[in-house]
N, C-alpha and C. Protein backbone atom coordinates (compact mmCIF):
# COMPACT_ATOMS: atom_id res chain seq x y z
N MET A 1 122.87 -90.98 -90.62
CA MET A 1 121.54 -90.78 -90.76
C MET A 1 120.91 -91.42 -89.43
N SER A 2 119.67 -90.40 -88.96
CA SER A 2 119.15 -91.20 -87.55
C SER A 2 117.80 -91.81 -88.18
N PHE A 3 117.28 -92.45 -86.97
CA PHE A 3 116.24 -93.24 -87.10
C PHE A 3 115.19 -92.69 -86.17
N PRO A 4 113.90 -92.68 -86.61
CA PRO A 4 113.03 -92.17 -85.35
C PRO A 4 112.96 -93.15 -84.32
N GLN A 5 112.65 -92.38 -83.11
CA GLN A 5 112.73 -93.18 -81.82
C GLN A 5 111.57 -93.91 -81.73
N GLN A 6 111.58 -95.14 -81.43
CA GLN A 6 110.39 -95.97 -81.07
C GLN A 6 109.90 -95.72 -79.73
N PRO A 7 108.20 -95.58 -79.77
CA PRO A 7 107.83 -95.15 -78.57
C PRO A 7 107.75 -95.98 -77.42
N ASP A 8 107.82 -95.49 -76.37
CA ASP A 8 108.26 -96.08 -75.18
C ASP A 8 106.74 -96.92 -74.56
N ALA A 9 106.55 -97.95 -74.52
CA ALA A 9 105.52 -98.58 -74.19
C ALA A 9 105.26 -98.00 -72.69
N ASN A 10 105.89 -97.90 -71.91
CA ASN A 10 105.49 -97.25 -70.41
C ASN A 10 104.90 -95.88 -70.47
N ALA A 11 105.08 -95.04 -71.65
CA ALA A 11 104.96 -93.87 -71.59
C ALA A 11 104.76 -93.38 -73.07
N PRO A 12 103.33 -93.83 -73.63
CA PRO A 12 102.95 -93.59 -74.97
C PRO A 12 102.98 -92.03 -75.32
N PHE A 13 103.06 -91.21 -74.23
CA PHE A 13 102.55 -89.79 -74.50
C PHE A 13 103.71 -89.02 -73.99
N GLY A 14 104.84 -89.63 -73.74
CA GLY A 14 106.27 -89.08 -73.48
C GLY A 14 106.45 -88.82 -71.88
N TYR A 15 107.09 -88.18 -71.59
CA TYR A 15 107.74 -88.16 -70.10
C TYR A 15 107.60 -86.37 -69.74
N ALA A 16 107.24 -86.22 -68.54
CA ALA A 16 106.96 -84.78 -68.41
C ALA A 16 108.25 -84.27 -67.63
N PRO A 17 108.70 -83.13 -67.59
CA PRO A 17 109.97 -82.74 -67.25
C PRO A 17 110.66 -83.25 -65.90
N ASN A 18 109.70 -83.65 -65.30
CA ASN A 18 110.04 -84.24 -63.85
C ASN A 18 110.31 -85.69 -64.11
N GLY A 19 110.51 -86.33 -65.20
CA GLY A 19 110.53 -87.74 -65.53
C GLY A 19 109.31 -88.65 -65.06
N VAL A 20 108.10 -88.04 -64.84
CA VAL A 20 107.00 -88.85 -64.54
C VAL A 20 106.18 -89.20 -66.34
N PRO A 21 105.84 -90.05 -66.56
CA PRO A 21 104.97 -90.04 -67.76
C PRO A 21 103.80 -89.43 -67.98
N TYR A 22 103.61 -88.82 -69.21
CA TYR A 22 102.26 -88.10 -69.07
C TYR A 22 101.01 -89.23 -69.17
N SER A 23 100.04 -88.56 -68.55
CA SER A 23 98.76 -89.58 -68.83
C SER A 23 98.19 -89.26 -70.25
N GLU A 24 97.01 -90.40 -69.97
CA GLU A 24 96.44 -90.41 -71.42
C GLU A 24 95.41 -89.24 -71.37
N LYS A 25 94.82 -88.74 -70.20
CA LYS A 25 94.00 -87.67 -69.89
C LYS A 25 94.59 -86.27 -70.37
N SER A 26 93.72 -85.32 -70.65
CA SER A 26 94.20 -83.93 -70.93
C SER A 26 93.63 -83.02 -69.68
N LYS A 27 94.35 -82.18 -69.23
CA LYS A 27 94.07 -81.36 -68.32
C LYS A 27 93.15 -80.22 -68.92
N VAL A 28 93.15 -79.71 -70.28
CA VAL A 28 92.29 -78.84 -70.46
C VAL A 28 90.61 -79.66 -70.80
N VAL A 29 90.56 -80.75 -71.07
CA VAL A 29 89.42 -81.36 -71.04
C VAL A 29 88.89 -81.59 -69.69
N ALA A 30 89.75 -81.93 -68.71
CA ALA A 30 89.59 -81.96 -67.23
C ALA A 30 88.71 -80.73 -66.63
N GLY A 31 89.80 -79.84 -67.14
CA GLY A 31 89.39 -78.20 -66.44
C GLY A 31 87.96 -77.86 -67.24
N VAL A 32 87.63 -77.95 -68.37
CA VAL A 32 86.44 -77.54 -68.84
C VAL A 32 85.34 -78.26 -68.44
N LEU A 33 85.45 -79.62 -68.10
CA LEU A 33 84.46 -80.47 -67.49
C LEU A 33 84.09 -80.07 -66.13
N GLN A 34 85.21 -79.69 -65.58
CA GLN A 34 84.97 -79.46 -64.16
C GLN A 34 84.43 -78.18 -64.18
N LEU A 35 84.73 -76.90 -64.94
CA LEU A 35 84.05 -75.56 -65.00
C LEU A 35 82.49 -75.73 -65.17
N PHE A 36 82.09 -76.60 -66.39
CA PHE A 36 80.93 -76.50 -66.42
C PHE A 36 80.06 -77.57 -65.96
N LEU A 37 80.62 -78.61 -65.22
CA LEU A 37 79.75 -79.92 -64.51
C LEU A 37 80.55 -79.99 -63.19
N GLY A 38 81.09 -79.29 -62.70
CA GLY A 38 81.80 -79.34 -61.40
C GLY A 38 80.98 -79.59 -60.24
N CYS A 39 79.74 -79.43 -60.17
CA CYS A 39 78.77 -79.61 -59.18
C CYS A 39 78.66 -81.25 -59.31
N PHE A 40 78.80 -81.86 -60.17
CA PHE A 40 78.71 -83.19 -60.12
C PHE A 40 80.03 -83.78 -60.06
N GLY A 41 81.04 -83.15 -60.11
CA GLY A 41 82.25 -83.71 -60.07
C GLY A 41 83.09 -84.25 -61.07
N VAL A 42 82.30 -84.17 -62.30
CA VAL A 42 82.68 -84.70 -63.44
C VAL A 42 84.11 -84.60 -63.96
N GLY A 43 84.63 -83.53 -63.60
CA GLY A 43 86.26 -83.36 -64.13
C GLY A 43 86.88 -84.47 -63.08
N ARG A 44 86.57 -84.63 -62.11
CA ARG A 44 87.42 -85.49 -60.91
C ARG A 44 87.32 -87.04 -61.45
N PHE A 45 86.09 -87.02 -61.72
CA PHE A 45 85.74 -88.68 -62.20
C PHE A 45 86.59 -88.94 -63.44
N TYR A 46 86.71 -87.93 -64.41
CA TYR A 46 87.23 -87.97 -65.87
C TYR A 46 89.07 -88.56 -65.40
N THR A 47 89.57 -87.72 -64.20
CA THR A 47 90.87 -87.88 -64.08
C THR A 47 90.95 -89.11 -62.90
N GLY A 48 89.92 -89.78 -62.82
CA GLY A 48 90.13 -91.08 -61.84
C GLY A 48 90.11 -90.72 -60.34
N HIS A 49 90.02 -89.46 -59.82
CA HIS A 49 90.12 -89.20 -58.57
C HIS A 49 88.41 -89.52 -57.82
N THR A 50 88.04 -90.75 -57.74
CA THR A 50 86.54 -90.88 -57.58
C THR A 50 86.28 -90.52 -56.16
N GLY A 51 87.20 -90.29 -55.22
CA GLY A 51 86.65 -90.10 -53.62
C GLY A 51 86.52 -88.61 -53.82
N MET A 52 87.36 -87.86 -54.33
CA MET A 52 87.24 -86.06 -54.61
C MET A 52 85.67 -86.02 -55.37
N ALA A 53 85.41 -86.69 -56.29
CA ALA A 53 84.45 -86.50 -57.29
C ALA A 53 82.99 -86.59 -56.58
N ILE A 54 83.06 -87.85 -55.80
CA ILE A 54 81.95 -88.29 -54.95
C ILE A 54 81.68 -86.95 -53.87
N GLY A 55 82.86 -86.45 -53.40
CA GLY A 55 82.71 -85.48 -52.48
C GLY A 55 81.95 -84.22 -53.10
N GLN A 56 82.62 -83.81 -54.16
CA GLN A 56 81.84 -82.70 -55.14
C GLN A 56 80.53 -82.97 -55.33
N LEU A 57 80.14 -84.48 -55.71
CA LEU A 57 78.88 -84.68 -56.01
C LEU A 57 77.96 -84.55 -54.92
N LEU A 58 78.24 -84.88 -53.58
CA LEU A 58 77.22 -84.94 -52.56
C LEU A 58 77.19 -83.62 -51.84
N THR A 59 78.01 -82.49 -52.33
CA THR A 59 78.20 -81.03 -51.80
C THR A 59 77.65 -80.16 -52.85
N CYS A 60 77.49 -80.62 -54.05
CA CYS A 60 76.99 -79.81 -55.05
C CYS A 60 78.25 -78.95 -55.56
N GLY A 61 79.57 -79.51 -55.43
CA GLY A 61 80.87 -78.80 -55.66
C GLY A 61 81.06 -77.82 -54.55
N GLY A 62 80.83 -77.96 -53.53
CA GLY A 62 80.94 -76.93 -52.30
C GLY A 62 80.42 -76.01 -52.86
N LEU A 63 78.80 -75.98 -53.18
CA LEU A 63 77.96 -74.96 -53.57
C LEU A 63 78.88 -74.15 -54.44
N GLY A 64 79.47 -74.77 -55.37
CA GLY A 64 80.07 -74.14 -56.74
C GLY A 64 81.30 -73.57 -56.31
N VAL A 65 81.82 -73.17 -55.08
CA VAL A 65 83.17 -72.82 -54.75
C VAL A 65 84.15 -73.73 -55.13
N TRP A 66 84.38 -74.83 -54.49
CA TRP A 66 84.99 -75.93 -54.70
C TRP A 66 85.45 -76.25 -56.17
N ALA A 67 84.23 -76.19 -56.85
CA ALA A 67 84.12 -76.71 -58.20
C ALA A 67 85.05 -75.65 -59.17
N LEU A 68 84.67 -74.41 -58.90
CA LEU A 68 85.13 -73.11 -59.84
C LEU A 68 86.67 -73.41 -59.38
N ILE A 69 87.20 -73.42 -58.06
CA ILE A 69 88.63 -73.26 -57.69
C ILE A 69 89.35 -74.44 -58.19
N ASP A 70 88.56 -75.76 -58.33
CA ASP A 70 89.15 -76.75 -59.02
C ASP A 70 89.50 -76.64 -60.37
N ALA A 71 88.37 -76.03 -61.08
CA ALA A 71 88.40 -75.86 -62.39
C ALA A 71 89.64 -75.02 -62.73
N ILE A 72 89.95 -74.01 -62.19
CA ILE A 72 91.10 -72.81 -62.34
C ILE A 72 92.28 -73.72 -62.22
N MET A 73 92.49 -74.53 -60.95
CA MET A 73 93.32 -75.41 -60.51
C MET A 73 93.94 -76.27 -61.80
N LEU A 74 92.97 -77.04 -62.38
CA LEU A 74 93.26 -77.99 -63.51
C LEU A 74 93.45 -77.08 -64.68
N LEU A 75 93.13 -75.94 -65.01
CA LEU A 75 93.38 -75.60 -66.26
C LEU A 75 94.73 -74.65 -66.09
N VAL A 76 94.97 -74.25 -65.10
CA VAL A 76 96.44 -73.43 -64.93
C VAL A 76 97.43 -74.33 -64.10
N GLY A 77 97.08 -75.16 -63.62
CA GLY A 77 98.01 -75.83 -62.74
C GLY A 77 99.15 -76.44 -63.58
N SER A 78 100.25 -76.61 -63.04
CA SER A 78 101.19 -77.08 -63.92
C SER A 78 101.63 -78.64 -63.34
N ASN A 79 101.23 -78.94 -62.24
CA ASN A 79 101.44 -80.13 -61.45
C ASN A 79 100.20 -81.02 -61.04
N THR A 80 99.15 -81.02 -62.07
CA THR A 80 97.74 -81.71 -62.16
C THR A 80 98.15 -83.07 -62.47
N THR A 81 97.59 -84.11 -61.66
CA THR A 81 97.99 -85.66 -62.01
C THR A 81 96.78 -86.13 -62.21
N ASP A 82 96.87 -87.38 -62.65
CA ASP A 82 95.55 -88.32 -62.77
C ASP A 82 95.70 -88.89 -61.40
N SER A 83 94.63 -90.22 -61.32
CA SER A 83 94.79 -91.19 -60.19
C SER A 83 96.06 -91.94 -60.02
N GLN A 84 96.87 -92.07 -61.07
CA GLN A 84 97.90 -92.93 -61.17
C GLN A 84 99.08 -92.08 -60.94
N GLY A 85 98.91 -90.78 -60.51
CA GLY A 85 100.27 -89.87 -60.24
C GLY A 85 100.89 -89.41 -61.66
N ARG A 86 100.15 -89.84 -62.75
CA ARG A 86 100.86 -89.31 -64.09
C ARG A 86 100.42 -87.72 -64.28
N VAL A 87 101.01 -87.14 -64.68
CA VAL A 87 101.02 -85.60 -65.03
C VAL A 87 100.12 -85.49 -66.45
N LEU A 88 98.95 -84.66 -66.18
CA LEU A 88 97.87 -84.62 -67.20
C LEU A 88 98.55 -83.95 -68.37
N ARG A 89 98.25 -84.33 -69.76
CA ARG A 89 98.74 -83.77 -70.79
C ARG A 89 98.13 -82.28 -70.87
N GLY A 90 98.99 -81.16 -71.66
CA GLY A 90 98.59 -79.80 -71.69
C GLY A 90 97.58 -79.98 -72.79
């Protein structure tokens, strides 16, 4: 008889295949926020990358190009991280 494994306090959402704990942030939420509000850097504020978010805010998302590319990278990228280097949950 096996007992359920206790959740790890250091990684409440589990570990990514590379051994890094998953973030509490979702890459789908970050990508959708970036897609619709990328001119304001909202997707990057959500993930904690405030420097990049302020850059997008000041340039209006690189006139929309930077925001669109960033949204695509957040949605389909497998190595997207939050500000603490943890992999965003799928």
